[in-house]
Amino acid sequence: MSIFDKRINPEEIMSRIYKKRYISRVLMMLTGLTLIAIAFNLFLRPFFIVVGGVNGLSIVTSGIFDINPVTFIYLANAVMLYICLLILGPKPTLKALGVSLLGPFLIDITSGIHHIISLDNMQPLLACLYGGVITGFGIGLIYKAGYMLGGLDVIKNILLVKKKIPIGRSTIFIDGLVVLTGAFVFGWTGVMYSVITIYIIGVMIDRILLGISDSKAFYVISAQEQDIRKYAKETLDIEATVIKVKGSLRNSDHRMLMFIVPTKHYYLFKEGIKEIDERAFFYIVDVYQSYDGKTKKEKKKKLVNA
C-alpha cells in the first residue's frame, strides 16, 4: 500500500499545529515584527543598510525615487500576496496576510523612534551589529512561532513548491540581487555593511530556533511510520531515509526514519510528529552539511556528455 493511501490528512495536521498555543504564538509573532520595525527605523534605514527582502528594497526605492518606505512595503506586499493567491492558492495567502499587513504598520508607528533615541553619532559598524542582532532576533521569533515572513518570502516558497528549489538557495539569489541593487544606489561600502548585517541576522535566527546549523536531522521510530512520511512529503517536500535498527532492551528489530529538515521548518515538523503519534520516539541533531551522492553523479554525467 502506498503511503499516500493512508487516511491521514496533512493539511488537517498543519491546522492543528497552528491552533496550539495560539495566543502565545501570536504575541511572539507581534514581538518579532515590532523588533524588526524598531531595527529598521533605528539602524537599517538611517544608515542605508540593505539586507534583502521587501524592507531592503524599500530603502533602495526611497533613495532613488524618494518614496515613503512604508508605502512601498504595503504595495510590494500586496503584489506578492496576489501572486501567492494566483500560484499557491488561498490557504498560503491567508497565512502570509497577517504578517504582510502588520509588518509595515508597525514600521509606520515606530518611524519616529529616532527622535526619542538619537543615534546621530553612531558608527555604521555598530548599526550593523545592533541592527543585525535585533532583526535576527525578531525573525527568529516569527519562525519559532510557526509563521512565515511575507514579501519576497512568497517568491521563495513558490520556487520551493513549483521548482523544488531549496529556500536557502533562493534566499541567497533573491536577497543577493536586492543587496547588489543597493550597491548601485548607495555605493559598494554599503554592501560590505549589508553583508555583515545579513550574517549576524542568520546567526541570530539559528540561535533563536535552538540551533546553529541550517538543518536538523530527525531520527524517528513510530508505529505510524507511513503517516509521518506522508506528512513530511506533502507539507514540507521532505523525503525519508529508512534505517533498520535493533533495540538492545528486547533485542527486537525496528525501522528508523531519518529526515533532513531545514531549521525554519523545525517547529512544524516536530509538532507534526507529536500530532500523528504522541508515543513516537525521536531525537534531533544539528546538521552542518548534507551531501547527495546521486545528484553529484548525475551532474558529472551531464558535464561529460556536454
C-alpha atoms as a PDB file:
ATOM      1  CA  MET A   1       0.000   0.000   0.000  1.00  0.00           C
ATOM      2  CA  SER A   2       1.299   3.446  -0.923  1.00  0.00           C
ATOM      3  CA  ILE A   3       1.967   5.899   1.896  1.00  0.00           C
ATOM      4  CA  PHE A   4      -0.441   8.282   0.162  1.00  0.00           C
ATOM      5  CA  ASP A   5      -3.346   5.829   0.550  1.00  0.00           C
ATOM      6  CA  LYS A   6      -3.470   6.319   4.303  1.00  0.00           C
ATOM      7  CA  ARG A   7      -6.358   8.178   5.925  1.00  0.00           C
ATOM      8  CA  ILE A   8      -4.120  10.926   7.346  1.00  0.00           C
ATOM      9  CA  ASN A   9      -4.792  14.467   6.146  1.00  0.00           C
ATOM     10  CA  PRO A  10      -1.572  16.564   6.256  1.00  0.00           C
ATOM     11  CA  GLU A  11      -3.499  19.843   5.948  1.00  0.00           C
ATOM     12  CA  GLU A  12      -5.564  18.888   8.974  1.00  0.00           C
ATOM     13  CA  ILE A  13      -2.391  18.283  10.977  1.00  0.00           C
ATOM     14  CA  MET A  14      -0.989  21.660   9.903  1.00  0.00           C
ATOM     15  CA  SER A  15      -4.241  23.286  11.031  1.00  0.00           C
ATOM     16  CA  ARG A  16      -3.986  21.600  14.430  1.00  0.00           C
ATOM     17  CA  ILE A  17      -0.396  22.781  14.854  1.00  0.00           C
ATOM     18  CA  TYR A  18      -1.296  26.391  14.088  1.00  0.00           C
ATOM     19  CA  LYS A  19      -4.128  26.278  16.658  1.00  0.00           C
ATOM     20  CA  LYS A  20      -1.821  25.137  19.503  1.00  0.00           C
ATOM     21  CA  ARG A  21      -0.868  27.885  21.966  1.00  0.00           C
ATOM     22  CA  TYR A  22      -2.434  30.332  19.518  1.00  0.00           C
ATOM     23  CA  ILE A  23      -2.368  33.431  21.729  1.00  0.00           C
ATOM     24  CA  SER A  24       1.237  32.977  22.886  1.00  0.00           C
ATOM     25  CA  ARG A  25       2.334  32.327  19.301  1.00  0.00           C
ATOM     26  CA  VAL A  26       0.567  35.460  18.047  1.00  0.00           C
ATOM     27  CA  LEU A  27       2.209  37.515  20.810  1.00  0.00           C
ATOM     28  CA  MET A  28       5.584  36.043  19.852  1.00  0.00           C
ATOM     29  CA  MET A  29       4.962  36.961  16.216  1.00  0.00           C
ATOM     30  CA  LEU A  30       3.949  40.521  17.155  1.00  0.00           C
ATOM     31  CA  THR A  31       7.055  40.893  19.304  1.00  0.00           C
ATOM     32  CA  GLY A  32       9.204  39.724  16.406  1.00  0.00           C
ATOM     33  CA  LEU A  33       7.591  42.165  13.972  1.00  0.00           C
ATOM     34  CA  THR A  34       7.990  45.014  16.460  1.00  0.00           C
ATOM     35  CA  LEU A  35      11.696  44.274  16.874  1.00  0.00           C
ATOM     36  CA  ILE A  36      12.145  44.186  13.095  1.00  0.00           C
ATOM     37  CA  ALA A  37      10.343  47.537  12.785  1.00  0.00           C
ATOM     38  CA  ILE A  38      12.489  49.153  15.506  1.00  0.00           C
ATOM     39  CA  ALA A  39      15.710  47.867  13.956  1.00  0.00           C
ATOM     40  CA  PHE A  40      14.582  49.104  10.539  1.00  0.00           C
ATOM     41  CA  ASN A  41      13.821  52.654  11.731  1.00  0.00           C
ATOM     42  CA  LEU A  42      16.679  52.959  14.212  1.00  0.00           C
ATOM     43  CA  PHE A  43      19.587  51.263  12.419  1.00  0.00           C
ATOM     44  CA  LEU A  44      18.936  49.962   8.892  1.00  0.00           C
ATOM     45  CA  ARG A  45      17.094  52.824   7.198  1.00  0.00           C
ATOM     46  CA  PRO A  46      19.109  55.761   8.674  1.00  0.00           C
ATOM     47  CA  PHE A  47      22.406  54.096   7.709  1.00  0.00           C
ATOM     48  CA  PHE A  48      21.144  52.770   4.328  1.00  0.00           C
ATOM     49  CA  ILE A  49      21.865  49.157   5.235  1.00  0.00           C
ATOM     50  CA  VAL A  50      20.116  46.966   2.641  1.00  0.00           C
ATOM     51  CA  VAL A  51      19.690  43.413   3.960  1.00  0.00           C
ATOM     52  CA  GLY A  52      17.361  41.963   1.338  1.00  0.00           C
ATOM     53  CA  GLY A  53      13.634  41.396   1.277  1.00  0.00           C
ATOM     54  CA  VAL A  54      10.930  43.988   0.702  1.00  0.00           C
ATOM     55  CA  ASN A  55      12.240  46.092   3.608  1.00  0.00           C
ATOM     56  CA  GLY A  56      15.621  46.297   1.900  1.00  0.00           C
ATOM     57  CA  LEU A  57      14.011  47.199  -1.424  1.00  0.00           C
ATOM     58  CA  SER A  58      12.073  49.982   0.295  1.00  0.00           C
ATOM     59  CA  ILE A  59      15.357  51.575   1.406  1.00  0.00           C
ATOM     60  CA  VAL A  60      16.636  51.398  -2.184  1.00  0.00           C
ATOM     61  CA  THR A  61      13.478  52.887  -3.724  1.00  0.00           C
ATOM     62  CA  SER A  62      13.377  55.668  -1.128  1.00  0.00           C
ATOM     63  CA  GLY A  63      16.933  56.553  -2.152  1.00  0.00           C
ATOM     64  CA  ILE A  64      16.076  56.620  -5.873  1.00  0.00           C
ATOM     65  CA  PHE A  65      12.518  57.952  -6.059  1.00  0.00           C
ATOM     66  CA  ASP A  66      12.022  59.435  -2.570  1.00  0.00           C
ATOM     67  CA  ILE A  67       9.108  57.020  -1.967  1.00  0.00           C
ATOM     68  CA  ASN A  68       7.986  56.516   1.614  1.00  0.00           C
ATOM     69  CA  PRO A  69       9.302  53.052   2.623  1.00  0.00           C
ATOM     70  CA  VAL A  70       6.032  52.119   4.353  1.00  0.00           C
ATOM     71  CA  THR A  71       4.037  52.896   1.199  1.00  0.00           C
ATOM     72  CA  PHE A  72       6.389  50.805  -0.907  1.00  0.00           C
ATOM     73  CA  ILE A  73       6.260  47.882   1.545  1.00  0.00           C
ATOM     74  CA  TYR A  74       2.452  47.914   1.533  1.00  0.00           C
ATOM     75  CA  LEU A  75       2.333  47.960  -2.270  1.00  0.00           C
ATOM     76  CA  ALA A  76       5.027  45.286  -2.664  1.00  0.00           C
ATOM     77  CA  ASN A  77       3.364  43.005  -0.101  1.00  0.00           C
ATOM     78  CA  ALA A  78       0.023  43.431  -1.864  1.00  0.00           C
ATOM     79  CA  VAL A  79       1.584  42.372  -5.174  1.00  0.00           C
ATOM     80  CA  MET A  80       3.294  39.390  -3.503  1.00  0.00           C
ATOM     81  CA  LEU A  81       0.038  38.302  -1.864  1.00  0.00           C
ATOM     82  CA  TYR A  82      -1.760  38.499  -5.221  1.00  0.00           C
ATOM     83  CA  ILE A  83       0.948  36.369  -6.841  1.00  0.00           C
ATOM     84  CA  CYS A  84       0.723  33.926  -3.936  1.00  0.00           C
ATOM     85  CA  LEU A  85      -3.051  33.688  -4.393  1.00  0.00           C
ATOM     86  CA  LEU A  86      -2.718  33.004  -8.113  1.00  0.00           C
ATOM     87  CA  ILE A  87       0.006  30.365  -7.835  1.00  0.00           C
ATOM     88  CA  LEU A  88      -0.248  28.772  -4.380  1.00  0.00           C
ATOM     89  CA  GLY A  89      -3.926  29.322  -3.611  1.00  0.00           C
ATOM     90  CA  PRO A  90      -5.915  30.928  -0.776  1.00  0.00           C
ATOM     91  CA  LYS A  91      -4.570  28.995   2.250  1.00  0.00           C
ATOM     92  CA  PRO A  92      -0.876  30.007   1.938  1.00  0.00           C
ATOM     93  CA  THR A  93      -2.038  33.537   1.104  1.00  0.00           C
ATOM     94  CA  LEU A  94      -4.095  33.782   4.301  1.00  0.00           C
ATOM     95  CA  LYS A  95      -1.103  32.556   6.336  1.00  0.00           C
ATOM     96  CA  ALA A  96       1.069  35.347   4.909  1.00  0.00           C
ATOM     97  CA  LEU A  97      -1.633  38.019   5.110  1.00  0.00           C
ATOM     98  CA  GLY A  98      -1.293  38.938   8.790  1.00  0.00           C
ATOM     99  CA  VAL A  99       2.474  39.397   8.766  1.00  0.00           C
ATOM    100  CA  SER A 100       2.340  41.256   5.424  1.00  0.00           C
ATOM    101  CA  LEU A 101      -0.103  43.825   6.844  1.00  0.00           C
ATOM    102  CA  LEU A 102       1.224  44.119  10.383  1.00  0.00           C
ATOM    103  CA  GLY A 103       4.881  44.469   9.331  1.00  0.00           C
ATOM    104  CA  PRO A 104       4.589  47.820   7.511  1.00  0.00           C
ATOM    105  CA  PHE A 105       2.013  49.046  10.052  1.00  0.00           C
ATOM    106  CA  LEU A 106       4.498  48.574  12.903  1.00  0.00           C
ATOM    107  CA  ILE A 107       7.256  50.179  10.839  1.00  0.00           C
ATOM    108  CA  ASP A 108       4.959  53.187  10.359  1.00  0.00           C
ATOM    109  CA  ILE A 109       4.057  53.650  14.039  1.00  0.00           C
ATOM    110  CA  THR A 110       7.709  53.256  15.136  1.00  0.00           C
ATOM    111  CA  SER A 111       9.058  55.593  12.441  1.00  0.00           C
ATOM    112  CA  GLY A 112       9.553  58.396  14.964  1.00  0.00           C
ATOM    113  CA  ILE A 113      11.694  56.337  17.315  1.00  0.00           C
ATOM    114  CA  HIS A 114      14.864  58.082  16.134  1.00  0.00           C
ATOM    115  CA  HIS A 115      13.503  61.294  17.703  1.00  0.00           C
ATOM    116  CA  ILE A 116      13.327  59.518  21.065  1.00  0.00           C
ATOM    117  CA  ILE A 117      16.589  57.606  20.720  1.00  0.00           C
ATOM    118  CA  SER A 118      19.145  59.751  18.911  1.00  0.00           C
ATOM    119  CA  LEU A 119      21.962  57.801  17.274  1.00  0.00           C
ATOM    120  CA  ASP A 120      23.381  60.533  15.053  1.00  0.00           C
ATOM    121  CA  ASN A 121      26.955  59.913  16.177  1.00  0.00           C
ATOM    122  CA  MET A 122      26.792  56.111  15.886  1.00  0.00           C
ATOM    123  CA  GLN A 123      29.308  54.420  13.611  1.00  0.00           C
ATOM    124  CA  PRO A 124      27.870  52.358  10.712  1.00  0.00           C
ATOM    125  CA  LEU A 125      29.579  49.219  12.003  1.00  0.00           C
ATOM    126  CA  LEU A 126      27.723  49.485  15.312  1.00  0.00           C
ATOM    127  CA  ALA A 127      24.486  49.999  13.371  1.00  0.00           C
ATOM    128  CA  CYS A 128      25.243  46.742  11.526  1.00  0.00           C
ATOM    129  CA  LEU A 129      25.819  44.862  14.767  1.00  0.00           C
ATOM    130  CA  TYR A 130      22.772  46.143  16.655  1.00  0.00           C
ATOM    131  CA  GLY A 131      20.522  46.155  13.603  1.00  0.00           C
ATOM    132  CA  GLY A 132      21.534  42.595  12.732  1.00  0.00           C
ATOM    133  CA  VAL A 133      21.055  41.269  16.261  1.00  0.00           C
ATOM    134  CA  ILE A 134      17.631  42.856  16.754  1.00  0.00           C
ATOM    135  CA  THR A 135      16.381  41.971  13.260  1.00  0.00           C
ATOM    136  CA  GLY A 136      17.619  38.387  13.544  1.00  0.00           C
ATOM    137  CA  PHE A 137      16.031  38.040  16.970  1.00  0.00           C
ATOM    138  CA  GLY A 138      12.725  39.294  15.579  1.00  0.00           C
ATOM    139  CA  ILE A 139      12.761  36.995  12.539  1.00  0.00           C
ATOM    140  CA  GLY A 140      13.720  34.076  14.764  1.00  0.00           C
ATOM    141  CA  LEU A 141      10.707  34.713  16.999  1.00  0.00           C
ATOM    142  CA  ILE A 142       8.407  34.784  13.963  1.00  0.00           C
ATOM    143  CA  TYR A 143       9.769  31.476  12.641  1.00  0.00           C
ATOM    144  CA  LYS A 144       9.675  29.913  16.099  1.00  0.00           C
ATOM    145  CA  ALA A 145       6.026  30.893  16.428  1.00  0.00           C
ATOM    146  CA  GLY A 146       5.324  28.961  13.238  1.00  0.00           C
ATOM    147  CA  TYR A 147       4.758  31.969  10.973  1.00  0.00           C
ATOM    148  CA  MET A 148       6.472  32.956   7.752  1.00  0.00           C
ATOM    149  CA  LEU A 149       7.543  36.408   6.624  1.00  0.00           C
ATOM    150  CA  GLY A 150       5.598  37.914   3.756  1.00  0.00           C
ATOM    151  CA  GLY A 151       7.088  39.936   0.914  1.00  0.00           C
ATOM    152  CA  LEU A 152       9.776  38.198  -1.120  1.00  0.00           C
ATOM    153  CA  ASP A 153       9.429  35.069   1.027  1.00  0.00           C
ATOM    154  CA  VAL A 154       6.364  34.391  -1.132  1.00  0.00           C
ATOM    155  CA  ILE A 155       8.621  34.046  -4.185  1.00  0.00           C
ATOM    156  CA  LYS A 156      10.938  31.740  -2.254  1.00  0.00           C
ATOM    157  CA  ASN A 157       8.030  29.495  -1.265  1.00  0.00           C
ATOM    158  CA  ILE A 158       6.754  29.448  -4.855  1.00  0.00           C
ATOM    159  CA  LEU A 159      10.188  28.345  -6.061  1.00  0.00           C
ATOM    160  CA  LEU A 160      10.213  25.649  -3.385  1.00  0.00           C
ATOM    161  CA  VAL A 161       6.752  24.312  -4.235  1.00  0.00           C
ATOM    162  CA  LYS A 162       6.852  24.637  -8.026  1.00  0.00           C
ATOM    163  CA  LYS A 163      10.539  24.228  -8.883  1.00  0.00           C
ATOM    164  CA  LYS A 164      11.813  22.327  -5.795  1.00  0.00           C
ATOM    165  CA  ILE A 165      14.489  24.988  -5.276  1.00  0.00           C
ATOM    166  CA  PRO A 166      15.590  24.953  -1.594  1.00  0.00           C
ATOM    167  CA  ILE A 167      14.726  28.025   0.472  1.00  0.00           C
ATOM    168  CA  GLY A 168      18.388  28.608   1.332  1.00  0.00           C
ATOM    169  CA  ARG A 169      19.470  28.734  -2.302  1.00  0.00           C
ATOM    170  CA  SER A 170      16.632  31.027  -3.395  1.00  0.00           C
ATOM    171  CA  THR A 171      17.297  33.307  -0.400  1.00  0.00           C
ATOM    172  CA  ILE A 172      20.932  33.775  -1.426  1.00  0.00           C
ATOM    173  CA  PHE A 173      19.908  34.573  -5.001  1.00  0.00           C
ATOM    174  CA  ILE A 174      16.936  36.887  -4.322  1.00  0.00           C
ATOM    175  CA  ASP A 175      18.362  38.763  -1.339  1.00  0.00           C
ATOM    176  CA  GLY A 176      21.708  38.946  -3.131  1.00  0.00           C
ATOM    177  CA  LEU A 177      20.047  40.798  -6.012  1.00  0.00           C
ATOM    178  CA  VAL A 178      18.458  43.237  -3.559  1.00  0.00           C
ATOM    179  CA  VAL A 179      21.803  43.924  -1.886  1.00  0.00           C
ATOM    180  CA  LEU A 180      23.511  44.424  -5.262  1.00  0.00           C
ATOM    181  CA  THR A 181      20.768  46.865  -6.248  1.00  0.00           C
ATOM    182  CA  GLY A 182      21.574  48.811  -3.099  1.00  0.00           C
ATOM    183  CA  ALA A 183      25.226  48.908  -4.153  1.00  0.00           C
ATOM    184  CA  PHE A 184      24.411  50.929  -7.280  1.00  0.00           C
ATOM    185  CA  VAL A 185      22.435  53.443  -5.215  1.00  0.00           C
ATOM    186  CA  PHE A 186      24.452  53.810  -2.011  1.00  0.00           C
ATOM    187  CA  GLY A 187      27.868  52.527  -3.075  1.00  0.00           C
ATOM    188  CA  TRP A 188      29.887  49.370  -2.522  1.00  0.00           C
ATOM    189  CA  THR A 189      30.850  50.306   1.016  1.00  0.00           C
ATOM    190  CA  GLY A 190      27.191  49.861   1.902  1.00  0.00           C
ATOM    191  CA  VAL A 191      27.319  46.316   0.513  1.00  0.00           C
ATOM    192  CA  MET A 192      30.084  45.450   2.970  1.00  0.00           C
ATOM    193  CA  TYR A 193      27.951  46.657   5.868  1.00  0.00           C
ATOM    194  CA  SER A 194      24.951  44.791   4.442  1.00  0.00           C
ATOM    195  CA  VAL A 195      26.875  41.512   4.238  1.00  0.00           C
ATOM    196  CA  ILE A 196      27.972  41.848   7.871  1.00  0.00           C
ATOM    197  CA  THR A 197      24.392  42.549   8.945  1.00  0.00           C
ATOM    198  CA  ILE A 198      22.979  39.627   6.937  1.00  0.00           C
ATOM    199  CA  TYR A 199      25.489  37.273   8.553  1.00  0.00           C
ATOM    200  CA  ILE A 200      24.543  38.461  12.054  1.00  0.00           C
ATOM    201  CA  ILE A 201      20.840  38.084  11.222  1.00  0.00           C
ATOM    202  CA  GLY A 202      21.410  34.491  10.108  1.00  0.00           C
ATOM    203  CA  VAL A 203      23.329  33.638  13.285  1.00  0.00           C
ATOM    204  CA  MET A 204      20.621  35.130  15.495  1.00  0.00           C
ATOM    205  CA  ILE A 205      17.825  33.281  13.682  1.00  0.00           C
ATOM    206  CA  ASP A 206      19.641  29.985  14.220  1.00  0.00           C
ATOM    207  CA  ARG A 207      20.180  30.786  17.883  1.00  0.00           C
ATOM    208  CA  ILE A 208      16.519  31.581  18.457  1.00  0.00           C
ATOM    209  CA  LEU A 209      15.436  28.381  16.690  1.00  0.00           C
ATOM    210  CA  LEU A 210      17.512  26.238  19.082  1.00  0.00           C
ATOM    211  CA  GLY A 211      20.265  25.529  16.648  1.00  0.00           C
ATOM    212  CA  ILE A 212      23.343  26.854  14.916  1.00  0.00           C
ATOM    213  CA  SER A 213      23.016  24.918  11.675  1.00  0.00           C
ATOM    214  CA  ASP A 214      20.912  25.250   8.532  1.00  0.00           C
ATOM    215  CA  SER A 215      19.205  21.888   9.001  1.00  0.00           C
ATOM    216  CA  LYS A 216      18.206  19.360  11.623  1.00  0.00           C
ATOM    217  CA  ALA A 217      18.328  15.590  11.365  1.00  0.00           C
ATOM    218  CA  PHE A 218      15.235  13.925  12.816  1.00  0.00           C
ATOM    219  CA  TYR A 219      15.564  10.233  13.733  1.00  0.00           C
ATOM    220  CA  VAL A 220      12.096   8.793  14.290  1.00  0.00           C
ATOM    221  CA  ILE A 221      10.761   5.403  15.410  1.00  0.00           C
ATOM    222  CA  SER A 222       6.985   5.231  15.281  1.00  0.00           C
ATOM    223  CA  ALA A 223       4.142   2.806  14.692  1.00  0.00           C
ATOM    224  CA  GLN A 224       2.681   5.477  12.397  1.00  0.00           C
ATOM    225  CA  GLU A 225       5.637   5.413  10.022  1.00  0.00           C
ATOM    226  CA  GLN A 226       3.643   5.839   6.816  1.00  0.00           C
ATOM    227  CA  ASP A 227       1.602   8.719   8.237  1.00  0.00           C
ATOM    228  CA  ILE A 228       4.750  10.611   9.241  1.00  0.00           C
ATOM    229  CA  ARG A 229       6.321  10.018   5.813  1.00  0.00           C
ATOM    230  CA  LYS A 230       3.203  11.312   4.108  1.00  0.00           C
ATOM    231  CA  TYR A 231       3.085  14.400   6.315  1.00  0.00           C
ATOM    232  CA  ALA A 232       6.754  15.166   5.591  1.00  0.00           C
ATOM    233  CA  LYS A 233       6.351  14.689   1.840  1.00  0.00           C
ATOM    234  CA  GLU A 234       3.092  16.536   1.276  1.00  0.00           C
ATOM    235  CA  THR A 235       3.602  19.520   3.585  1.00  0.00           C
ATOM    236  CA  LEU A 236       7.356  20.176   3.546  1.00  0.00           C
ATOM    237  CA  ASP A 237       8.514  18.175   0.476  1.00  0.00           C
ATOM    238  CA  ILE A 238      10.919  16.137   2.626  1.00  0.00           C
ATOM    239  CA  GLU A 239      11.770  12.504   1.887  1.00  0.00           C
ATOM    240  CA  ALA A 240      12.695   9.886   4.496  1.00  0.00           C
ATOM    241  CA  THR A 241      15.625   7.509   4.699  1.00  0.00           C
ATOM    242  CA  VAL A 242      14.654   4.180   6.283  1.00  0.00           C
ATOM    243  CA  ILE A 243      17.228   2.616   8.626  1.00  0.00           C
ATOM    244  CA  LYS A 244      16.925  -0.859  10.148  1.00  0.00           C
ATOM    245  CA  VAL A 245      17.818  -0.843  13.844  1.00  0.00           C
ATOM    246  CA  LYS A 246      17.711  -3.322  16.736  1.00  0.00           C
ATOM    247  CA  GLY A 247      16.637  -2.422  20.258  1.00  0.00           C
ATOM    248  CA  SER A 248      19.007  -3.634  22.981  1.00  0.00           C
ATOM    249  CA  LEU A 249      16.321  -3.987  25.669  1.00  0.00           C
ATOM    250  CA  ARG A 250      14.139  -6.557  23.900  1.00  0.00           C
ATOM    251  CA  ASN A 251      16.532  -7.430  21.084  1.00  0.00           C
ATOM    252  CA  SER A 252      13.776  -6.593  18.584  1.00  0.00           C
ATOM    253  CA  ASP A 253      14.060  -5.157  15.077  1.00  0.00           C
ATOM    254  CA  HIS A 254      12.721  -1.691  14.255  1.00  0.00           C
ATOM    255  CA  ARG A 255      12.631   0.693  11.321  1.00  0.00           C
ATOM    256  CA  MET A 256      14.002   4.159  11.972  1.00  0.00           C
ATOM    257  CA  LEU A 257      13.182   7.120   9.729  1.00  0.00           C
ATOM    258  CA  MET A 258      15.761   9.834   9.138  1.00  0.00           C
ATOM    259  CA  PHE A 259      14.673  13.256   7.833  1.00  0.00           C
ATOM    260  CA  ILE A 260      16.879  16.240   6.993  1.00  0.00           C
ATOM    261  CA  VAL A 261      14.700  19.235   7.844  1.00  0.00           C
ATOM    262  CA  PRO A 262      15.521  22.937   7.214  1.00  0.00           C
ATOM    263  CA  THR A 263      15.839  24.750  10.531  1.00  0.00           C
ATOM    264  CA  LYS A 264      12.979  27.124   9.715  1.00  0.00           C
ATOM    265  CA  HIS A 265      10.617  24.110   9.476  1.00  0.00           C
ATOM    266  CA  TYR A 266      11.843  22.644  12.791  1.00  0.00           C
ATOM    267  CA  TYR A 267       8.721  23.639  14.719  1.00  0.00           C
ATOM    268  CA  LEU A 268       6.192  22.402  12.151  1.00  0.00           C
ATOM    269  CA  PHE A 269       7.875  19.031  11.722  1.00  0.00           C
ATOM    270  CA  LYS A 270       8.426  18.400  15.437  1.00  0.00           C
ATOM    271  CA  GLU A 271       4.832  19.271  16.329  1.00  0.00           C
ATOM    272  CA  GLY A 272       3.557  17.301  13.334  1.00  0.00           C
ATOM    273  CA  ILE A 273       5.208  14.121  14.625  1.00  0.00           C
ATOM    274  CA  LYS A 274       3.605  14.673  18.031  1.00  0.00           C
ATOM    275  CA  GLU A 275       0.195  15.175  16.441  1.00  0.00           C
ATOM    276  CA  ILE A 276       0.472  11.973  14.392  1.00  0.00           C
ATOM    277  CA  ASP A 277       1.898   9.741  17.142  1.00  0.00           C
ATOM    278  CA  GLU A 278       2.302  11.085  20.667  1.00  0.00           C
ATOM    279  CA  ARG A 279       4.133   7.868  21.603  1.00  0.00           C
ATOM    280  CA  ALA A 280       6.735   8.268  18.849  1.00  0.00           C
ATOM    281  CA  PHE A 281      10.399   8.144  19.821  1.00  0.00           C
ATOM    282  CA  PHE A 282      12.561  10.694  18.052  1.00  0.00           C
ATOM    283  CA  TYR A 283      15.680  12.712  18.607  1.00  0.00           C
ATOM    284  CA  ILE A 284      17.090  15.699  16.768  1.00  0.00           C
ATOM    285  CA  VAL A 285      20.670  16.697  15.978  1.00  0.00           C
ATOM    286  CA  ASP A 286      22.250  19.612  14.140  1.00  0.00           C
ATOM    287  CA  VAL A 287      23.282  19.077  10.521  1.00  0.00           C
ATOM    288  CA  TYR A 288      26.146  21.197   9.274  1.00  0.00           C
ATOM    289  CA  GLN A 289      26.392  19.713   5.787  1.00  0.00           C
ATOM    290  CA  SER A 290      24.483  17.175   3.716  1.00  0.00           C
ATOM    291  CA  TYR A 291      25.630  15.523   0.511  1.00  0.00           C
ATOM    292  CA  ASP A 292      23.603  13.805  -2.196  1.00  0.00           C
ATOM    293  CA  GLY A 293      25.959  11.435  -3.996  1.00  0.00           C
ATOM    294  CA  LYS A 294      23.357  10.539  -6.613  1.00  0.00           C
ATOM    295  CA  THR A 295      22.819  14.154  -7.579  1.00  0.00           C
ATOM    296  CA  LYS A 296      26.583  14.652  -7.816  1.00  0.00           C
ATOM    297  CA  LYS A 297      26.973  11.692 -10.173  1.00  0.00           C
ATOM    298  CA  GLU A 298      24.140  12.941 -12.366  1.00  0.00           C
ATOM    299  CA  LYS A 299      25.843  16.335 -12.626  1.00  0.00           C
ATOM    300  CA  LYS A 300      29.112  14.683 -13.606  1.00  0.00           C
ATOM    301  CA  LYS A 301      27.368  12.679 -16.349  1.00  0.00           C
ATOM    302  CA  LYS A 302      25.833  15.865 -17.738  1.00  0.00           C
ATOM    303  CA  LEU A 303      29.242  17.536 -17.846  1.00  0.00           C
ATOM    304  CA  VAL A 304      30.794  14.536 -19.607  1.00  0.00           C
ATOM    305  CA  ASN A 305      28.006  14.408 -22.205  1.00  0.00           C
ATOM    306  CA  ALA A 306      28.035  18.166 -22.791  1.00  0.00           C
END
